PDB file of all heavy atoms in Angstrom:
ATOM      1  N   TRP A   1      13.598 -12.549 -10.707  1.00  0.00           N
ATOM      2  CA  TRP A   1      12.635 -11.764  -9.952  1.00  0.00           C
ATOM      3  C   TRP A   1      11.304 -11.782 -10.707  1.00  0.00           C
ATOM      4  O   TRP A   1      10.265 -11.806 -10.078  1.00  0.00           O
ATOM      5  CB  TRP A   1      13.148 -10.263  -9.949  1.00  0.00           C
ATOM      6  CG  TRP A   1      14.203 -10.003  -8.897  1.00  0.00           C
ATOM      7  CD1 TRP A   1      15.455  -9.866  -9.066  1.00  0.00           C
ATOM      8  CD2 TRP A   1      13.925 -10.178  -7.392  1.00  0.00           C
ATOM      9  NE1 TRP A   1      16.079  -9.746  -7.872  1.00  0.00           N
ATOM     10  CE2 TRP A   1      15.158 -10.074  -6.868  1.00  0.00           C
ATOM     11  CE3 TRP A   1      12.890 -10.413  -6.622  1.00  0.00           C
ATOM     12  CZ2 TRP A   1      15.434  -9.995  -5.471  1.00  0.00           C
ATOM     13  CZ3 TRP A   1      13.010 -10.433  -5.278  1.00  0.00           C
ATOM     14  CH2 TRP A   1      14.286 -10.212  -4.724  1.00  0.00           C
ATOM     15  N   PHE A   2      11.373 -11.852 -12.055  1.00  0.00           N
ATOM     16  CA  PHE A   2       9.976 -11.875 -12.706  1.00  0.00           C
ATOM     17  C   PHE A   2       9.360 -13.132 -12.397  1.00  0.00           C
ATOM     18  O   PHE A   2       8.113 -13.307 -12.256  1.00  0.00           O
ATOM     19  CB  PHE A   2      10.298 -11.673 -14.262  1.00  0.00           C
ATOM     20  CG  PHE A   2       9.132 -11.907 -15.061  1.00  0.00           C
ATOM     21  CD1 PHE A   2       8.165 -10.869 -15.059  1.00  0.00           C
ATOM     22  CD2 PHE A   2       8.814 -13.096 -15.789  1.00  0.00           C
ATOM     23  CE1 PHE A   2       6.999 -11.014 -15.775  1.00  0.00           C
ATOM     24  CE2 PHE A   2       7.611 -13.263 -16.469  1.00  0.00           C
ATOM     25  CZ  PHE A   2       6.763 -12.308 -16.541  1.00  0.00           C
ATOM     26  N   SER A   3      10.152 -14.328 -12.378  1.00  0.00           N
ATOM     27  CA  SER A   3       9.503 -15.565 -11.953  1.00  0.00           C
ATOM     28  C   SER A   3       8.931 -15.633 -10.691  1.00  0.00           C
ATOM     29  O   SER A   3       7.733 -16.116 -10.484  1.00  0.00           O
ATOM     30  CB  SER A   3      10.539 -16.662 -12.258  1.00  0.00           C
ATOM     31  OG  SER A   3      10.969 -16.737 -13.416  1.00  0.00           O
ATOM     32  N   LEU A   4       9.679 -15.032  -9.669  1.00  0.00           N
ATOM     33  CA  LEU A   4       9.062 -14.971  -8.382  1.00  0.00           C
ATOM     34  C   LEU A   4       7.881 -14.181  -8.235  1.00  0.00           C
ATOM     35  O   LEU A   4       6.921 -14.577  -7.592  1.00  0.00           O
ATOM     36  CB  LEU A   4      10.094 -14.442  -7.320  1.00  0.00           C
ATOM     37  CG  LEU A   4      11.352 -15.346  -7.049  1.00  0.00           C
ATOM     38  CD1 LEU A   4      12.507 -14.630  -6.369  1.00  0.00           C
ATOM     39  CD2 LEU A   4      10.875 -16.657  -6.350  1.00  0.00           C
ATOM     40  N   VAL A   5       7.886 -12.979  -8.748  1.00  0.00           N
ATOM     41  CA  VAL A   5       6.757 -12.187  -8.804  1.00  0.00           C
ATOM     42  C   VAL A   5       5.555 -12.699  -9.391  1.00  0.00           C
ATOM     43  O   VAL A   5       4.308 -12.817  -8.874  1.00  0.00           O
ATOM     44  CB  VAL A   5       7.056 -10.745  -9.312  1.00  0.00           C
ATOM     45  CG1 VAL A   5       5.696  -9.956  -9.602  1.00  0.00           C
ATOM     46  CG2 VAL A   5       8.025  -9.979  -8.409  1.00  0.00           C
ATOM     47  N   ASN A   6       5.752 -13.489 -10.580  1.00  0.00           N
ATOM     48  CA  ASN A   6       4.555 -14.074 -11.310  1.00  0.00           C
ATOM     49  C   ASN A   6       4.088 -15.154 -10.490  1.00  0.00           C
ATOM     50  O   ASN A   6       2.896 -15.369 -10.409  1.00  0.00           O
ATOM     51  CB  ASN A   6       5.352 -14.718 -12.604  1.00  0.00           C
ATOM     52  CG  ASN A   6       4.234 -15.196 -13.528  1.00  0.00           C
ATOM     53  OD1 ASN A   6       3.116 -14.854 -13.403  1.00  0.00           O
ATOM     54  ND2 ASN A   6       4.560 -16.292 -14.248  1.00  0.00           N
ATOM     55  N   SER A   7       4.891 -15.971  -9.783  1.00  0.00           N
ATOM     56  CA  SER A   7       4.374 -17.024  -8.876  1.00  0.00           C
ATOM     57  C   SER A   7       3.610 -16.480  -7.752  1.00  0.00           C
ATOM     58  O   SER A   7       2.523 -17.037  -7.359  1.00  0.00           O
ATOM     59  CB  SER A   7       5.570 -18.034  -8.399  1.00  0.00           C
ATOM     60  OG  SER A   7       6.288 -18.523  -9.525  1.00  0.00           O
ATOM     61  N   ILE A   8       3.992 -15.408  -7.059  1.00  0.00           N
ATOM     62  CA  ILE A   8       3.443 -14.910  -6.038  1.00  0.00           C
ATOM     63  C   ILE A   8       2.021 -14.249  -6.419  1.00  0.00           C
ATOM     64  O   ILE A   8       1.043 -14.550  -5.631  1.00  0.00           O
ATOM     65  CB  ILE A   8       4.227 -13.738  -5.373  1.00  0.00           C
ATOM     66  CG1 ILE A   8       5.498 -14.500  -4.650  1.00  0.00           C
ATOM     67  CG2 ILE A   8       3.418 -13.025  -4.290  1.00  0.00           C
ATOM     68  CD1 ILE A   8       6.484 -13.466  -4.095  1.00  0.00           C
ATOM     69  N   VAL A   9       1.932 -13.711  -7.492  1.00  0.00           N
ATOM     70  CA  VAL A   9       0.738 -13.042  -8.099  1.00  0.00           C
ATOM     71  C   VAL A   9      -0.287 -14.245  -8.378  1.00  0.00           C
ATOM     72  O   VAL A   9      -1.509 -14.182  -7.957  1.00  0.00           O
ATOM     73  CB  VAL A   9       0.943 -12.287  -9.250  1.00  0.00           C
ATOM     74  CG1 VAL A   9      -0.317 -11.949 -10.074  1.00  0.00           C
ATOM     75  CG2 VAL A   9       1.637 -10.944  -8.849  1.00  0.00           C
ATOM     76  N   ILE A  10       0.281 -15.326  -9.011  1.00  0.00           N
ATOM     77  CA  ILE A  10      -0.668 -16.521  -9.218  1.00  0.00           C
ATOM     78  C   ILE A  10      -1.200 -17.109  -7.936  1.00  0.00           C
ATOM     79  O   ILE A  10      -2.357 -17.412  -7.848  1.00  0.00           O
ATOM     80  CB  ILE A  10       0.096 -17.547 -10.121  1.00  0.00           C
ATOM     81  CG1 ILE A  10       0.163 -16.950 -11.518  1.00  0.00           C
ATOM     82  CG2 ILE A  10      -0.756 -18.827 -10.196  1.00  0.00           C
ATOM     83  CD1 ILE A  10       1.060 -17.774 -12.465  1.00  0.00           C
ATOM     84  N   VAL A  11      -0.296 -17.321  -6.971  1.00  0.00           N
ATOM     85  CA  VAL A  11      -0.854 -17.852  -5.675  1.00  0.00           C
ATOM     86  C   VAL A  11      -1.815 -16.983  -5.026  1.00  0.00           C
ATOM     87  O   VAL A  11      -2.839 -17.461  -4.461  1.00  0.00           O
ATOM     88  CB  VAL A  11       0.495 -18.208  -4.774  1.00  0.00           C
ATOM     89  CG1 VAL A  11      -0.021 -18.408  -3.439  1.00  0.00           C
ATOM     90  CG2 VAL A  11       1.237 -19.372  -5.346  1.00  0.00           C
ATOM     91  N   LEU A  12      -1.524 -15.666  -4.989  1.00  0.00           N
ATOM     92  CA  LEU A  12      -2.462 -14.715  -4.440  1.00  0.00           C
ATOM     93  C   LEU A  12      -3.819 -14.763  -5.088  1.00  0.00           C
ATOM     94  O   LEU A  12      -4.967 -14.685  -4.482  1.00  0.00           O
ATOM     95  CB  LEU A  12      -1.995 -13.375  -4.425  1.00  0.00           C
ATOM     96  CG  LEU A  12      -0.782 -13.085  -3.433  1.00  0.00           C
ATOM     97  CD1 LEU A  12      -0.149 -11.664  -3.541  1.00  0.00           C
ATOM     98  CD2 LEU A  12      -1.211 -13.396  -1.985  1.00  0.00           C
ATOM     99  N   PHE A  13      -3.759 -14.784  -6.411  1.00  0.00           N
ATOM    100  CA  PHE A  13      -4.981 -14.879  -7.263  1.00  0.00           C
ATOM    101  C   PHE A  13      -5.825 -16.027  -6.894  1.00  0.00           C
ATOM    102  O   PHE A  13      -7.000 -16.100  -6.744  1.00  0.00           O
ATOM    103  CB  PHE A  13      -4.763 -14.865  -8.671  1.00  0.00           C
ATOM    104  CG  PHE A  13      -5.883 -14.928  -9.582  1.00  0.00           C
ATOM    105  CD1 PHE A  13      -6.782 -13.871  -9.705  1.00  0.00           C
ATOM    106  CD2 PHE A  13      -6.116 -16.094 -10.303  1.00  0.00           C
ATOM    107  CE1 PHE A  13      -7.911 -14.006 -10.512  1.00  0.00           C
ATOM    108  CE2 PHE A  13      -7.266 -16.138 -11.141  1.00  0.00           C
ATOM    109  CZ  PHE A  13      -8.079 -15.107 -11.334  1.00  0.00           C
ATOM    110  N   LEU A  14      -5.205 -17.323  -6.944  1.00  0.00           N
ATOM    111  CA  LEU A  14      -5.916 -18.524  -6.691  1.00  0.00           C
ATOM    112  C   LEU A  14      -6.376 -18.589  -5.200  1.00  0.00           C
ATOM    113  O   LEU A  14      -7.496 -19.092  -4.973  1.00  0.00           O
ATOM    114  CB  LEU A  14      -4.982 -19.735  -6.896  1.00  0.00           C
ATOM    115  CG  LEU A  14      -4.540 -19.986  -8.400  1.00  0.00           C
ATOM    116  CD1 LEU A  14      -3.606 -21.003  -8.578  1.00  0.00           C
ATOM    117  CD2 LEU A  14      -5.891 -20.139  -9.255  1.00  0.00           C
ATOM    118  N   THR A  15      -5.625 -18.038  -4.226  1.00  0.00           N
ATOM    119  CA  THR A  15      -6.036 -17.963  -2.837  1.00  0.00           C
ATOM    120  C   THR A  15      -7.298 -17.128  -2.753  1.00  0.00           C
ATOM    121  O   THR A  15      -8.355 -17.473  -2.030  1.00  0.00           O
ATOM    122  CB  THR A  15      -5.057 -17.462  -2.000  1.00  0.00           C
ATOM    123  OG1 THR A  15      -3.865 -18.280  -2.126  1.00  0.00           O
ATOM    124  CG2 THR A  15      -5.392 -17.483  -0.462  1.00  0.00           C
ATOM    125  N   GLY A  16      -7.278 -16.003  -3.424  1.00  0.00           N
ATOM    126  CA  GLY A  16      -8.428 -15.114  -3.347  1.00  0.00           C
ATOM    127  C   GLY A  16      -9.590 -15.803  -3.981  1.00  0.00           C
ATOM    128  O   GLY A  16     -10.844 -15.552  -3.515  1.00  0.00           O
ATOM    129  N   MET A  17      -9.516 -16.560  -5.082  1.00  0.00           N
ATOM    130  CA  MET A  17     -10.657 -17.320  -5.769  1.00  0.00           C
ATOM    131  C   MET A  17     -11.244 -18.249  -4.655  1.00  0.00           C
ATOM    132  O   MET A  17     -12.399 -18.336  -4.529  1.00  0.00           O
ATOM    133  CB  MET A  17     -10.244 -17.832  -7.083  1.00  0.00           C
ATOM    134  CG  MET A  17      -9.920 -16.904  -8.064  1.00  0.00           C
ATOM    135  SD  MET A  17     -11.218 -15.911  -8.645  1.00  0.00           S
ATOM    136  CE  MET A  17     -12.349 -17.101  -9.394  1.00  0.00           C
ATOM    137  N   VAL A  18     -10.440 -19.091  -4.048  1.00  0.00           N
ATOM    138  CA  VAL A  18     -10.898 -20.047  -3.099  1.00  0.00           C
ATOM    139  C   VAL A  18     -11.491 -19.366  -1.975  1.00  0.00           C
ATOM    140  O   VAL A  18     -12.640 -19.908  -1.434  1.00  0.00           O
ATOM    141  CB  VAL A  18      -9.689 -20.901  -2.671  1.00  0.00           C
ATOM    142  CG1 VAL A  18     -10.123 -21.892  -1.415  1.00  0.00           C
ATOM    143  CG2 VAL A  18      -9.237 -21.814  -3.807  1.00  0.00           C
ATOM    144  N   ALA A  19     -11.140 -18.386  -1.463  1.00  0.00           N
ATOM    145  CA  ALA A  19     -11.667 -17.550  -0.382  1.00  0.00           C
ATOM    146  C   ALA A  19     -13.038 -16.998  -0.638  1.00  0.00           C
ATOM    147  O   ALA A  19     -13.977 -17.016   0.157  1.00  0.00           O
ATOM    148  CB  ALA A  19     -10.687 -16.390   0.032  1.00  0.00           C
ATOM    149  N   MET A  20     -13.217 -16.423  -2.014  1.00  0.00           N
ATOM    150  CA  MET A  20     -14.488 -15.926  -2.476  1.00  0.00           C
ATOM    151  C   MET A  20     -15.410 -17.185  -2.437  1.00  0.00           C
ATOM    152  O   MET A  20     -16.549 -16.946  -2.076  1.00  0.00           O
ATOM    153  CB  MET A  20     -14.300 -15.286  -3.744  1.00  0.00           C
ATOM    154  CG  MET A  20     -13.849 -13.937  -3.629  1.00  0.00           C
ATOM    155  SD  MET A  20     -13.949 -12.956  -5.236  1.00  0.00           S
ATOM    156  CE  MET A  20     -14.352 -14.003  -6.454  1.00  0.00           C
ATOM    157  N   ILE A  21     -15.164 -18.305  -2.968  1.00  0.00           N
ATOM    158  CA  ILE A  21     -15.949 -19.351  -3.064  1.00  0.00           C
ATOM    159  C   ILE A  21     -16.414 -19.797  -1.631  1.00  0.00           C
ATOM    160  O   ILE A  21     -17.611 -20.029  -1.405  1.00  0.00           O
ATOM    161  CB  ILE A  21     -15.356 -20.567  -3.807  1.00  0.00           C
ATOM    162  CG1 ILE A  21     -15.115 -20.106  -5.364  1.00  0.00           C
ATOM    163  CG2 ILE A  21     -16.175 -21.816  -3.745  1.00  0.00           C
ATOM    164  CD1 ILE A  21     -14.371 -21.081  -6.150  1.00  0.00           C
ATOM    165  N   LEU A  22     -15.514 -20.059  -0.781  1.00  0.00           N
ATOM    166  CA  LEU A  22     -15.832 -20.379   0.620  1.00  0.00           C
ATOM    167  C   LEU A  22     -16.680 -19.401   1.385  1.00  0.00           C
ATOM    168  O   LEU A  22     -17.651 -19.676   1.903  1.00  0.00           O
ATOM    169  CB  LEU A  22     -14.448 -20.629   1.391  1.00  0.00           C
ATOM    170  CG  LEU A  22     -13.767 -21.925   1.123  1.00  0.00           C
ATOM    171  CD1 LEU A  22     -12.452 -21.989   1.963  1.00  0.00           C
ATOM    172  CD2 LEU A  22     -14.629 -23.125   1.578  1.00  0.00           C
ATOM    173  N   LEU A  23     -16.373 -18.064   1.187  1.00  0.00           N
ATOM    174  CA  LEU A  23     -17.069 -17.019   1.775  1.00  0.00           C
ATOM    175  C   LEU A  23     -18.513 -17.007   1.250  1.00  0.00           C
ATOM    176  O   LEU A  23     -19.574 -16.865   2.044  1.00  0.00           O
ATOM    177  CB  LEU A  23     -16.499 -15.581   1.661  1.00  0.00           C
ATOM    178  CG  LEU A  23     -15.401 -15.403   2.564  1.00  0.00           C
ATOM    179  CD1 LEU A  23     -14.749 -14.012   2.202  1.00  0.00           C
ATOM    180  CD2 LEU A  23     -15.801 -15.462   3.915  1.00  0.00           C
ATOM    181  N   ARG A  24     -18.754 -17.236  -0.126  1.00  0.00           N
ATOM    182  CA  ARG A  24     -20.133 -17.218  -0.634  1.00  0.00           C
ATOM    183  C   ARG A  24     -20.883 -18.446  -0.150  1.00  0.00           C
ATOM    184  O   ARG A  24     -22.077 -18.357   0.197  1.00  0.00           O
ATOM    185  CB  ARG A  24     -19.992 -17.400  -2.165  1.00  0.00           C
ATOM    186  CG  ARG A  24     -21.309 -17.286  -2.905  1.00  0.00           C
ATOM    187  CD  ARG A  24     -21.128 -17.297  -4.442  1.00  0.00           C
ATOM    188  NE  ARG A  24     -20.460 -16.106  -4.770  1.00  0.00           N
ATOM    189  CZ  ARG A  24     -19.940 -15.933  -6.100  1.00  0.00           C
ATOM    190  NH1 ARG A  24     -20.182 -16.903  -6.983  1.00  0.00           N
ATOM    191  NH2 ARG A  24     -19.314 -14.856  -6.334  1.00  0.00           N
ATOM    192  N   ALA A  25     -20.169 -19.587  -0.063  1.00  0.00           N
ATOM    193  CA  ALA A  25     -20.919 -20.838   0.463  1.00  0.00           C
ATOM    194  C   ALA A  25     -21.358 -20.580   1.970  1.00  0.00           C
ATOM    195  O   ALA A  25     -22.377 -20.873   2.351  1.00  0.00           O
ATOM    196  CB  ALA A  25     -20.049 -22.091   0.358  1.00  0.00           C
ATOM    197  N   LEU A  26     -20.414 -20.108   2.689  1.00  0.00           N
ATOM    198  CA  LEU A  26     -20.709 -19.777   4.152  1.00  0.00           C
ATOM    199  C   LEU A  26     -21.806 -18.783   4.379  1.00  0.00           C
ATOM    200  O   LEU A  26     -22.747 -18.972   5.192  1.00  0.00           O
ATOM    201  CB  LEU A  26     -19.412 -19.409   4.879  1.00  0.00           C
ATOM    202  CG  LEU A  26     -18.376 -20.472   5.188  1.00  0.00           C
ATOM    203  CD1 LEU A  26     -17.137 -19.853   5.816  1.00  0.00           C
ATOM    204  CD2 LEU A  26     -18.930 -21.554   6.220  1.00  0.00           C
ATOM    205  N   HIS A  27     -21.751 -17.716   3.514  1.00  0.00           N
ATOM    206  CA  HIS A  27     -22.823 -16.699   3.634  1.00  0.00           C
ATOM    207  C   HIS A  27     -24.116 -17.296   3.285  1.00  0.00           C
ATOM    208  O   HIS A  27     -25.220 -16.956   3.974  1.00  0.00           O
ATOM    209  CB  HIS A  27     -22.466 -15.615   2.610  1.00  0.00           C
ATOM    210  CG  HIS A  27     -23.428 -14.443   2.733  1.00  0.00           C
ATOM    211  ND1 HIS A  27     -24.555 -14.280   1.952  1.00  0.00           N
ATOM    212  CD2 HIS A  27     -23.448 -13.399   3.594  1.00  0.00           C
ATOM    213  CE1 HIS A  27     -25.276 -13.229   2.284  1.00  0.00           C
ATOM    214  NE2 HIS A  27     -24.602 -12.694   3.282  1.00  0.00           N
ATOM    215  N   LYS A  28     -24.085 -18.166   2.258  1.00  0.00           N
ATOM    216  CA  LYS A  28     -25.491 -18.816   1.926  1.00  0.00           C
ATOM    217  C   LYS A  28     -25.940 -19.689   3.102  1.00  0.00           C
ATOM    218  O   LYS A  28     -27.178 -19.652   3.318  1.00  0.00           O
ATOM    219  CB  LYS A  28     -25.346 -19.682   0.676  1.00  0.00           C
ATOM    220  CG  LYS A  28     -26.684 -20.163   0.090  1.00  0.00           C
ATOM    221  CD  LYS A  28     -26.448 -20.870  -1.308  1.00  0.00           C
ATOM    222  CE  LYS A  28     -25.203 -21.563  -1.507  1.00  0.00           C
ATOM    223  NZ  LYS A  28     -25.209 -22.287  -2.824  1.00  0.00           N
ATOM    224  N   ASP A  29     -25.136 -20.558   3.614  1.00  0.00           N
ATOM    225  CA  ASP A  29     -25.517 -21.376   4.762  1.00  0.00           C
ATOM    226  C   ASP A  29     -25.965 -20.563   5.985  1.00  0.00           C
ATOM    227  O   ASP A  29     -27.025 -20.927   6.628  1.00  0.00           O
ATOM    228  CB  ASP A  29     -24.319 -22.270   5.177  1.00  0.00           C
ATOM    229  CG  ASP A  29     -24.160 -23.381   4.294  1.00  0.00           C
ATOM    230  OD1 ASP A  29     -25.041 -23.634   3.475  1.00  0.00           O
ATOM    231  OD2 ASP A  29     -23.152 -23.976   4.395  1.00  0.00           O
ATOM    232  N   ILE A  30     -25.333 -19.367   6.323  1.00  0.00           N
ATOM    233  CA  ILE A  30     -25.675 -18.584   7.500  1.00  0.00           C
ATOM    234  C   ILE A  30     -27.017 -17.993   7.192  1.00  0.00           C
ATOM    235  O   ILE A  30     -27.891 -17.892   8.120  1.00  0.00           O
ATOM    236  CB  ILE A  30     -24.525 -17.536   7.685  1.00  0.00           C
ATOM    237  CG1 ILE A  30     -23.353 -18.247   8.206  1.00  0.00           C
ATOM    238  CG2 ILE A  30     -25.067 -16.548   8.740  1.00  0.00           C
ATOM    239  CD1 ILE A  30     -22.103 -17.305   8.497  1.00  0.00           C
ATOM    240  N   SER A  31     -27.317 -17.590   5.964  1.00  0.00           N
ATOM    241  CA  SER A  31     -28.459 -16.921   5.682  1.00  0.00           C
ATOM    242  C   SER A  31     -29.685 -17.973   5.785  1.00  0.00           C
ATOM    243  O   SER A  31     -30.782 -17.726   6.309  1.00  0.00           O
ATOM    244  CB  SER A  31     -28.589 -16.261   4.376  1.00  0.00           C
ATOM    245  OG  SER A  31     -28.439 -17.244   3.361  1.00  0.00           O
ATOM    246  N   ARG A  32     -29.465 -19.271   5.379  1.00  0.00           N
ATOM    247  CA  ARG A  32     -30.431 -20.304   5.597  1.00  0.00           C
ATOM    248  C   ARG A  32     -30.605 -20.737   6.983  1.00  0.00           C
ATOM    249  O   ARG A  32     -31.724 -20.813   7.498  1.00  0.00           O
ATOM    250  CB  ARG A  32     -29.938 -21.656   4.886  1.00  0.00           C
ATOM    251  CG  ARG A  32     -30.007 -21.690   3.415  1.00  0.00           C
ATOM    252  CD  ARG A  32     -29.528 -22.981   2.879  1.00  0.00           C
ATOM    253  NE  ARG A  32     -29.464 -22.951   1.420  1.00  0.00           N
ATOM    254  CZ  ARG A  32     -28.831 -24.001   0.802  1.00  0.00           C
ATOM    255  NH1 ARG A  32     -28.418 -25.022   1.429  1.00  0.00           N
ATOM    256  NH2 ARG A  32     -28.790 -23.902  -0.564  1.00  0.00           N
ATOM    257  N   TYR A  33     -29.577 -20.613   7.895  1.00  0.00           N
ATOM    258  CA  TYR A  33     -29.780 -20.925   9.327  1.00  0.00           C
ATOM    259  C   TYR A  33     -30.539 -19.828   9.845  1.00  0.00           C
ATOM    260  O   TYR A  33     -31.465 -20.021  10.693  1.00  0.00           O
ATOM    261  CB  TYR A  33     -28.391 -20.965  10.064  1.00  0.00           C
ATOM    262  CG  TYR A  33     -27.568 -22.085   9.573  1.00  0.00           C
ATOM    263  CD1 TYR A  33     -26.083 -22.048   9.503  1.00  0.00           C
ATOM    264  CD2 TYR A  33     -28.065 -23.327   9.081  1.00  0.00           C
ATOM    265  CE1 TYR A  33     -25.334 -23.036   9.174  1.00  0.00           C
ATOM    266  CE2 TYR A  33     -27.231 -24.379   8.694  1.00  0.00           C
ATOM    267  CZ  TYR A  33     -25.847 -24.215   8.740  1.00  0.00           C
ATOM    268  OH  TYR A  33     -25.140 -25.169   8.376  1.00  0.00           O
TER     269      TYR A  33
END
């Protein structure tokens, strides 16, 4: 259970980081447009 929870937390954290980077890039492009 500890291994499963650890893996899920890491996947959620990395997904959140990628989503933040994409949202920041899209927000910057939309403001330029």
